[in-house]
Amino acid sequence: MKHPDRRALLFVLLTVTLDSMGMGLLVPVMPRLLTELSGEGLARAAIYGGWLTAVFAAVQFLAGPLLGSLSDHAGRRPVLLLSLAAFGGSYLLMGIAPSLTWVFVAQVFTGLFGATAATAGACIADVTPAAHRTRNFGSIAAAFGVGLILGPAAGGLLAGYGTRTPFFVAAALSLLNVIYGALVLRESLPASARRPFSWRRANPLGASLLLHRRAPVNLMMAAVLFQRIATTTLPATWPYFTMQVYGWTSRQVGYSLAAYGIATVFMQAGFLRWIDAHIGTRRAASLGLTMLALGFLGFAFGHGERVALLCIPLTTMGFMAGPALVSMLSVRVAADLQGTLQGVIASANGGAAVLTPLLMPWLFSLFSQGRGVPVFPGAPYLL
């Protein structure tokens, strides 16, 4: 079984990396595409961009349990490969879109078929012994981070060859990965462990209720949601917070976020393996959450840039808690519910991606203006 396990893990890691890299490829050129199609300026394009982000996150929130439930019924391999093919097609559609309407239609399909994390996580749970799941889930999270680091850089280079070029490259990468998966990926869920598909369970509420009846995971799922909200708070507020409190420039903000991303990848790919082997998954999760809380308290109440820079490594440890919590959840759920579990986790990610950018910047704005409330820009980090 070792060789198939390694091939499945490699394919899943490549899939997650290319998915996040494909999204990152589009970041540098999306403003230009939106201005070209709308005929309006950057200010209006920024609003369209925000709507596109919200559409993507909302569709992913709904799609995670759907794809996860389908993989529990039909198997991981067909759902992964068909999703990847449709994902590449959505990029192609976006690349040839003649109007803003087509961009939004393509974004709906991108969110729907880009929710492969649920199936990928279930595949990893199928082929990985419980003792090694934390490190492999950590590797998935690190692969996603690597893609987010490489994607924007590559997108900036490709933009020199035309606004639409990064979209076609993202589509090609997805479709090449489908071919690779068709050659190397074996089905990880045996027919005896599958269950009938039900539309009642293929949504966030129905899937959550099913898990509640079959396994005691509700409180831990709440911990996953809160951890996701906390870790997405920093990128949602950091540029505004550091510019106001420390007077940083855009370049300094960019450098700090790049360092933050690199440190996060190291934490999930390297340090998590070591800490999990030495203190166990449960303590690794508790340690990560504790360090995350201490880091945010430092941002909220600390004074000076040095305090902020010292707190960044603490908050990156909070990302270590995510894979550990997912691993703890996976061992409490039967094989025929792994896709459903990963779908609910994907919904938690999507819910956090929708809620955090709406709540935390508003909270920062409220406590930064001093209109009827104390001036306290660190309020989002305290929350």
Protein backbone atom coordinates (compact mmCIF):
# COMPACT_ATOMS: atom_id res chain seq x y z
CA MET A 1 0.00 0.00 0.00
CA LYS A 2 2.92 2.41 0.47
CA HIS A 3 3.46 3.17 -3.17
CA PRO A 4 -0.22 3.98 -3.95
CA ASP A 5 -0.34 6.10 -0.79
CA ARG A 6 2.60 8.20 -1.95
CA ARG A 7 1.15 8.62 -5.43
CA ALA A 8 -2.23 9.69 -4.04
CA LEU A 9 -0.57 12.15 -1.67
CA LEU A 10 1.61 13.58 -4.45
CA PHE A 11 -1.38 14.03 -6.75
CA VAL A 12 -3.44 15.72 -4.02
CA LEU A 13 -0.57 18.05 -3.11
CA LEU A 14 -0.06 18.95 -6.77
CA THR A 15 -3.80 19.51 -7.19
CA VAL A 16 -4.04 21.83 -4.20
CA THR A 17 -0.91 23.73 -5.26
CA LEU A 18 -2.14 24.23 -8.82
CA ASP A 19 -5.63 25.21 -7.63
CA SER A 20 -4.31 27.96 -5.36
CA MET A 21 -1.63 28.94 -7.88
CA GLY A 22 -4.29 29.25 -10.58
CA MET A 23 -6.29 31.63 -8.39
CA GLY A 24 -3.15 33.61 -7.61
CA LEU A 25 -2.25 33.85 -11.30
CA LEU A 26 -5.37 35.94 -11.87
CA VAL A 27 -4.82 38.48 -9.06
CA PRO A 28 -2.47 40.86 -10.95
CA VAL A 29 -4.63 40.98 -14.11
CA MET A 30 -8.16 40.89 -12.71
CA PRO A 31 -8.35 44.70 -12.17
CA ARG A 32 -7.30 45.30 -15.78
CA LEU A 33 -9.79 42.75 -17.13
CA LEU A 34 -12.64 44.28 -15.11
CA THR A 35 -11.84 47.80 -16.29
CA GLU A 36 -11.64 46.61 -19.91
CA LEU A 37 -14.99 44.81 -19.77
CA SER A 38 -16.84 47.44 -17.75
CA GLY A 39 -15.34 50.54 -19.37
CA GLU A 40 -15.10 52.07 -15.90
CA GLY A 41 -12.23 53.08 -13.63
CA LEU A 42 -10.35 51.18 -10.94
CA ALA A 43 -12.63 52.39 -8.15
CA ARG A 44 -15.63 50.69 -9.74
CA ALA A 45 -13.54 47.68 -10.75
CA ALA A 46 -12.60 47.22 -7.08
CA ILE A 47 -16.30 46.89 -6.23
CA TYR A 48 -16.77 44.30 -8.98
CA GLY A 49 -13.71 42.48 -7.66
CA GLY A 50 -15.22 42.39 -4.17
CA TRP A 51 -18.45 40.95 -5.54
CA LEU A 52 -16.49 38.30 -7.43
CA THR A 53 -14.67 37.32 -4.23
CA ALA A 54 -17.94 37.11 -2.32
CA VAL A 55 -19.53 34.98 -5.08
CA PHE A 56 -16.56 32.60 -5.05
CA ALA A 57 -16.62 32.19 -1.26
CA ALA A 58 -20.40 31.78 -1.11
CA VAL A 59 -20.46 29.10 -3.82
CA GLN A 60 -17.60 27.26 -2.13
CA PHE A 61 -19.54 27.36 1.14
CA LEU A 62 -22.41 25.52 -0.58
CA ALA A 63 -20.32 23.29 -2.85
CA GLY A 64 -18.03 21.68 -0.27
CA PRO A 65 -20.65 19.28 1.20
CA LEU A 66 -22.02 18.57 -2.30
CA LEU A 67 -18.71 17.36 -3.70
CA GLY A 68 -17.82 15.65 -0.43
CA SER A 69 -21.11 13.71 -0.42
CA LEU A 70 -20.69 12.80 -4.09
CA SER A 71 -17.24 11.40 -3.33
CA ASP A 72 -18.69 9.30 -0.47
CA HIS A 73 -21.13 7.82 -3.02
CA ALA A 74 -19.20 7.57 -6.29
CA GLY A 75 -15.62 7.45 -5.01
CA ARG A 76 -12.87 10.05 -4.76
CA ARG A 77 -11.22 9.53 -8.17
CA PRO A 78 -14.10 10.42 -10.53
CA VAL A 79 -15.19 13.41 -8.45
CA LEU A 80 -11.65 14.79 -8.28
CA LEU A 81 -10.92 14.35 -11.98
CA LEU A 82 -14.27 15.70 -13.20
CA SER A 83 -14.04 18.66 -10.82
CA LEU A 84 -10.55 19.50 -12.02
CA ALA A 85 -11.62 19.30 -15.66
CA ALA A 86 -14.59 21.62 -15.04
CA PHE A 87 -12.34 23.90 -12.96
CA GLY A 88 -10.00 24.29 -15.92
CA GLY A 89 -12.98 24.93 -18.17
CA SER A 90 -14.15 27.76 -15.91
CA TYR A 91 -10.76 29.47 -16.28
CA LEU A 92 -11.02 29.07 -20.05
CA LEU A 93 -14.49 30.61 -19.98
CA MET A 94 -13.17 33.53 -17.96
CA GLY A 95 -10.33 33.99 -20.43
CA ILE A 96 -12.70 34.34 -23.40
CA ALA A 97 -15.47 36.17 -21.50
CA PRO A 98 -16.92 38.97 -23.69
CA SER A 99 -18.67 40.76 -20.81
CA LEU A 100 -18.79 41.11 -17.02
CA THR A 101 -21.78 38.79 -16.90
CA TRP A 102 -19.70 35.96 -18.34
CA VAL A 103 -16.95 36.64 -15.78
CA PHE A 104 -19.47 36.22 -12.96
CA VAL A 105 -20.88 33.05 -14.55
CA ALA A 106 -17.35 31.66 -14.83
CA GLN A 107 -16.70 32.61 -11.20
CA VAL A 108 -19.71 30.59 -10.09
CA PHE A 109 -18.29 27.52 -11.84
CA THR A 110 -14.83 28.27 -10.42
CA GLY A 111 -16.26 28.30 -6.90
CA LEU A 112 -18.35 25.18 -7.51
CA PHE A 113 -15.69 22.96 -9.05
CA GLY A 114 -12.81 24.57 -7.16
CA ALA A 115 -14.18 23.10 -3.93
CA THR A 116 -11.89 20.09 -4.41
CA ALA A 117 -10.43 20.44 -0.91
CA ALA A 118 -13.27 18.30 0.49
CA THR A 119 -12.59 15.38 -1.87
CA ALA A 120 -8.82 15.80 -1.60
CA GLY A 121 -9.00 15.72 2.20
CA ALA A 122 -11.20 12.63 2.14
CA CYS A 123 -8.74 10.93 -0.21
CA ILE A 124 -5.90 11.65 2.20
CA ALA A 125 -7.94 10.29 5.13
CA ASP A 126 -8.63 7.11 3.11
CA VAL A 127 -4.99 6.30 2.38
CA THR A 128 -3.24 7.66 5.49
CA PRO A 129 -2.96 5.87 8.85
CA ALA A 130 -4.40 7.91 11.73
CA ALA A 131 -0.94 8.49 13.23
CA HIS A 132 0.26 10.29 10.06
CA ARG A 133 -2.83 12.29 9.16
CA THR A 134 -1.81 15.48 10.93
CA ARG A 135 1.42 15.81 8.96
CA ASN A 136 -0.31 15.03 5.66
CA PHE A 137 -3.12 17.51 6.30
CA GLY A 138 -0.38 19.97 7.20
CA SER A 139 1.30 19.25 3.87
CA ILE A 140 -1.98 20.01 2.07
CA ALA A 141 -2.25 23.36 3.84
CA ALA A 142 1.38 24.12 3.01
CA ALA A 143 0.84 23.21 -0.65
CA PHE A 144 -2.05 25.68 -0.77
CA GLY A 145 0.23 28.35 0.71
CA VAL A 146 2.99 27.64 -1.81
CA GLY A 147 0.50 28.09 -4.64
CA LEU A 148 -0.63 31.43 -3.21
CA ILE A 149 2.99 32.61 -3.06
CA LEU A 150 3.93 31.45 -6.56
CA GLY A 151 0.67 32.35 -8.30
CA PRO A 152 0.71 36.17 -8.07
CA ALA A 153 4.38 36.32 -9.03
CA ALA A 154 3.79 34.17 -12.11
CA GLY A 155 0.63 36.11 -12.93
CA GLY A 156 2.56 39.37 -12.87
CA LEU A 157 5.08 37.97 -15.36
CA LEU A 158 2.44 36.49 -17.66
CA ALA A 159 0.47 39.73 -17.66
CA GLY A 160 3.17 41.17 -19.91
CA TYR A 161 1.90 38.86 -22.66
CA GLY A 162 -1.69 40.07 -22.44
CA THR A 163 -4.53 40.44 -19.96
CA ARG A 164 -6.08 37.06 -20.84
CA THR A 165 -2.85 35.04 -20.87
CA PRO A 166 -2.87 34.07 -17.15
CA PHE A 167 -6.41 32.70 -17.52
CA PHE A 168 -5.37 30.38 -20.34
CA VAL A 169 -2.27 29.27 -18.42
CA ALA A 170 -4.40 28.51 -15.33
CA ALA A 171 -6.77 26.47 -17.51
CA ALA A 172 -3.88 24.56 -19.08
CA LEU A 173 -2.37 23.74 -15.67
CA SER A 174 -5.70 22.37 -14.42
CA LEU A 175 -6.25 20.23 -17.53
CA LEU A 176 -2.68 18.87 -17.46
CA ASN A 177 -3.26 17.87 -13.85
CA VAL A 178 -6.38 15.97 -14.95
CA ILE A 179 -4.27 13.95 -17.38
CA TYR A 180 -1.68 13.26 -14.68
CA GLY A 181 -4.38 12.19 -12.22
CA ALA A 182 -6.02 9.90 -14.76
CA LEU A 183 -2.68 8.10 -15.13
CA VAL A 184 -1.56 7.77 -11.50
CA LEU A 185 -4.53 8.14 -9.15
CA ARG A 186 -6.23 4.99 -7.93
CA GLU A 187 -9.61 4.91 -6.21
CA SER A 188 -9.10 5.16 -2.44
CA LEU A 189 -12.65 4.42 -1.26
CA PRO A 190 -13.70 0.75 -1.65
CA ALA A 191 -17.21 0.02 -2.86
CA SER A 192 -18.08 -1.58 0.49
CA ALA A 193 -17.47 1.74 2.29
CA ARG A 194 -19.68 3.89 0.05
CA ARG A 195 -23.16 5.15 0.88
CA PRO A 196 -26.18 6.34 -1.13
CA PHE A 197 -26.22 9.97 -2.22
CA SER A 198 -28.85 12.23 -0.67
CA TRP A 199 -29.59 15.83 -1.62
CA ARG A 200 -30.76 16.45 1.95
CA ARG A 201 -27.21 15.78 3.15
CA ALA A 202 -25.40 17.51 0.27
CA ASN A 203 -25.62 20.97 1.85
CA PRO A 204 -23.92 22.56 4.87
CA LEU A 205 -26.89 22.17 7.24
CA GLY A 206 -27.86 18.64 6.18
CA ALA A 207 -24.25 17.44 6.25
CA SER A 208 -23.70 18.99 9.69
CA LEU A 209 -26.84 17.30 11.07
CA LEU A 210 -25.72 13.96 9.64
CA LEU A 211 -22.33 14.29 11.31
CA HIS A 212 -24.01 15.26 14.58
CA ARG A 213 -26.08 12.05 14.51
CA ARG A 214 -23.15 9.80 13.60
CA ALA A 215 -20.21 11.31 15.51
CA PRO A 216 -19.57 13.72 18.43
CA VAL A 217 -17.82 16.44 16.43
CA ASN A 218 -19.92 19.60 16.82
CA LEU A 219 -17.74 21.37 19.37
CA MET A 220 -14.59 20.57 17.43
CA MET A 221 -16.20 21.84 14.22
CA ALA A 222 -16.89 25.10 16.07
CA ALA A 223 -13.20 25.22 16.97
CA VAL A 224 -12.31 24.77 13.28
CA LEU A 225 -14.63 27.65 12.29
CA PHE A 226 -13.24 29.99 14.95
CA GLN A 227 -9.67 29.08 14.00
CA ARG A 228 -10.41 29.86 10.34
CA ILE A 229 -11.98 33.22 11.22
CA ALA A 230 -8.98 34.08 13.37
CA THR A 231 -6.34 33.15 10.80
CA THR A 232 -8.13 35.05 8.00
CA THR A 233 -8.43 38.15 10.18
CA LEU A 234 -4.80 39.14 9.67
CA PRO A 235 -4.73 39.36 5.84
CA ALA A 236 -8.15 41.08 5.92
CA THR A 237 -6.99 43.87 8.25
CA TRP A 238 -3.19 43.92 8.28
CA PRO A 239 -2.61 46.51 5.49
CA TYR A 240 -5.02 49.01 7.07
CA PHE A 241 -3.82 48.36 10.63
CA THR A 242 -0.10 48.71 9.92
CA MET A 243 -0.54 51.77 7.71
CA GLN A 244 -2.53 53.58 10.39
CA VAL A 245 -0.72 52.44 13.52
CA TYR A 246 2.86 52.22 12.22
CA GLY A 247 2.74 54.39 9.11
CA TRP A 248 3.96 51.56 6.87
CA THR A 249 4.15 51.91 3.11
CA SER A 250 2.56 49.51 0.62
CA ARG A 251 5.98 47.96 0.04
CA GLN A 252 6.50 47.29 3.75
CA VAL A 253 3.04 45.75 3.98
CA GLY A 254 3.79 43.55 0.97
CA TYR A 255 7.12 42.40 2.39
CA SER A 256 5.55 41.59 5.77
CA LEU A 257 2.75 39.56 4.18
CA ALA A 258 5.23 37.70 2.00
CA ALA A 259 7.29 36.84 5.08
CA TYR A 260 4.10 35.82 6.84
CA GLY A 261 3.17 33.49 3.98
CA ILE A 262 6.60 31.88 3.88
CA ALA A 263 6.62 31.38 7.65
CA THR A 264 3.15 29.82 7.50
CA VAL A 265 4.22 27.34 4.83
CA PHE A 266 7.27 26.36 6.90
CA MET A 267 5.07 25.93 9.97
CA GLN A 268 2.62 23.62 8.20
CA ALA A 269 5.10 21.64 6.12
CA GLY A 270 8.03 21.34 8.51
CA PHE A 271 7.50 22.30 12.13
CA LEU A 272 4.09 20.62 12.42
CA ARG A 273 5.62 17.23 11.57
CA TRP A 274 8.20 17.65 14.34
CA ILE A 275 5.79 18.95 16.96
CA ASP A 276 3.16 16.29 16.19
CA ALA A 277 5.73 13.52 16.53
CA HIS A 278 6.94 14.86 19.90
CA ILE A 279 3.80 16.02 21.71
CA GLY A 280 0.89 14.49 19.76
CA THR A 281 -1.94 15.89 17.67
CA ARG A 282 -4.17 17.13 20.50
CA ARG A 283 -1.39 19.09 22.18
CA ALA A 284 -0.21 20.43 18.83
CA ALA A 285 -3.70 21.84 18.22
CA SER A 286 -3.86 23.37 21.71
CA LEU A 287 -0.37 24.86 21.37
CA GLY A 288 -1.18 26.37 17.98
CA LEU A 289 -4.40 27.97 19.22
CA THR A 290 -2.68 29.32 22.33
CA MET A 291 0.16 30.89 20.34
CA LEU A 292 -2.36 32.36 17.90
CA ALA A 293 -4.25 34.00 20.75
CA LEU A 294 -1.04 35.39 22.31
CA GLY A 295 0.10 36.77 18.96
CA PHE A 296 -3.20 38.57 18.36
CA LEU A 297 -3.17 39.99 21.91
CA GLY A 298 0.30 41.32 21.12
CA PHE A 299 -1.01 43.03 17.96
CA ALA A 300 -3.97 44.47 19.88
CA PHE A 301 -2.14 45.87 22.93
CA GLY A 302 1.54 46.02 21.91
CA HIS A 303 3.37 49.23 21.12
CA GLY A 304 5.96 49.57 18.39
CA GLU A 305 6.92 47.74 15.24
CA ARG A 306 9.23 45.34 17.06
CA VAL A 307 6.34 43.94 19.07
CA ALA A 308 4.35 43.40 15.88
CA LEU A 309 7.25 41.63 14.19
CA LEU A 310 7.79 39.42 17.24
CA CYS A 311 4.10 38.45 17.23
CA ILE A 312 4.06 37.33 13.60
CA PRO A 313 5.82 33.99 14.35
CA LEU A 314 3.31 33.36 17.15
CA THR A 315 0.33 33.87 14.87
CA THR A 316 1.80 31.63 12.17
CA MET A 317 1.69 28.82 14.73
CA GLY A 318 -2.07 29.24 14.68
CA PHE A 319 -2.06 27.72 11.19
CA MET A 320 -0.51 24.63 12.73
CA ALA A 321 -3.73 24.10 14.67
CA GLY A 322 -5.84 23.76 11.51
CA PRO A 323 -4.39 20.48 10.18
CA ALA A 324 -4.23 19.10 13.72
CA LEU A 325 -7.94 19.79 14.28
CA VAL A 326 -8.84 18.25 10.90
CA SER A 327 -6.80 15.16 11.76
CA MET A 328 -8.55 14.82 15.13
CA LEU A 329 -11.92 15.10 13.38
CA SER A 330 -11.06 12.53 10.72
CA VAL A 331 -10.34 9.76 13.23
CA ARG A 332 -13.77 10.29 14.84
CA VAL A 333 -15.67 9.78 11.57
CA ALA A 334 -16.29 6.53 9.69
CA ALA A 335 -14.89 5.94 6.19
CA ASP A 336 -18.26 6.45 4.49
CA LEU A 337 -18.51 9.97 5.99
CA GLN A 338 -15.01 11.27 5.31
CA GLY A 339 -16.18 13.18 2.23
CA THR A 340 -19.10 14.66 4.16
CA LEU A 341 -16.77 15.70 6.98
CA GLN A 342 -14.31 17.35 4.61
CA GLY A 343 -17.23 19.06 2.88
CA VAL A 344 -18.41 20.58 6.14
CA ILE A 345 -14.84 21.71 6.85
CA ALA A 346 -14.74 23.30 3.38
CA SER A 347 -18.00 25.07 4.23
CA ALA A 348 -16.41 26.36 7.43
CA ASN A 349 -13.55 27.72 5.33
CA GLY A 350 -16.01 29.34 2.92
CA GLY A 351 -18.09 30.78 5.75
CA ALA A 352 -15.00 32.30 7.31
CA ALA A 353 -13.94 33.69 3.92
CA VAL A 354 -17.32 35.44 3.62
CA LEU A 355 -17.73 36.58 7.24
CA THR A 356 -14.22 37.77 8.09
CA PRO A 357 -13.73 40.36 5.29
CA LEU A 358 -17.16 41.80 6.14
CA LEU A 359 -16.79 41.88 9.93
CA MET A 360 -13.16 42.56 10.76
CA PRO A 361 -12.41 45.56 8.48
CA TRP A 362 -15.71 47.12 9.64
CA LEU A 363 -14.65 46.61 13.27
CA PHE A 364 -11.27 48.18 12.52
CA SER A 365 -12.98 51.16 10.87
CA LEU A 366 -15.39 51.60 13.78
CA PHE A 367 -12.68 51.63 16.45
CA SER A 368 -10.23 53.69 14.40
CA GLN A 369 -12.45 56.73 13.95
CA GLY A 370 -13.33 57.30 17.60
CA ARG A 371 -16.95 58.23 16.87
CA GLY A 372 -18.78 57.22 20.03
CA VAL A 373 -16.34 54.40 20.85
CA PRO A 374 -12.77 54.36 22.21
CA VAL A 375 -9.96 54.61 19.66
CA PHE A 376 -8.63 51.03 19.54
CA PRO A 377 -7.45 49.87 16.08
CA GLY A 378 -6.50 46.46 17.53
CA ALA A 379 -10.16 45.57 18.17
CA PRO A 380 -10.31 42.91 15.40
CA TYR A 381 -7.29 41.13 16.88
CA LEU A 382 -8.79 41.19 20.37
CA LEU A 383 -12.01 39.65 19.01
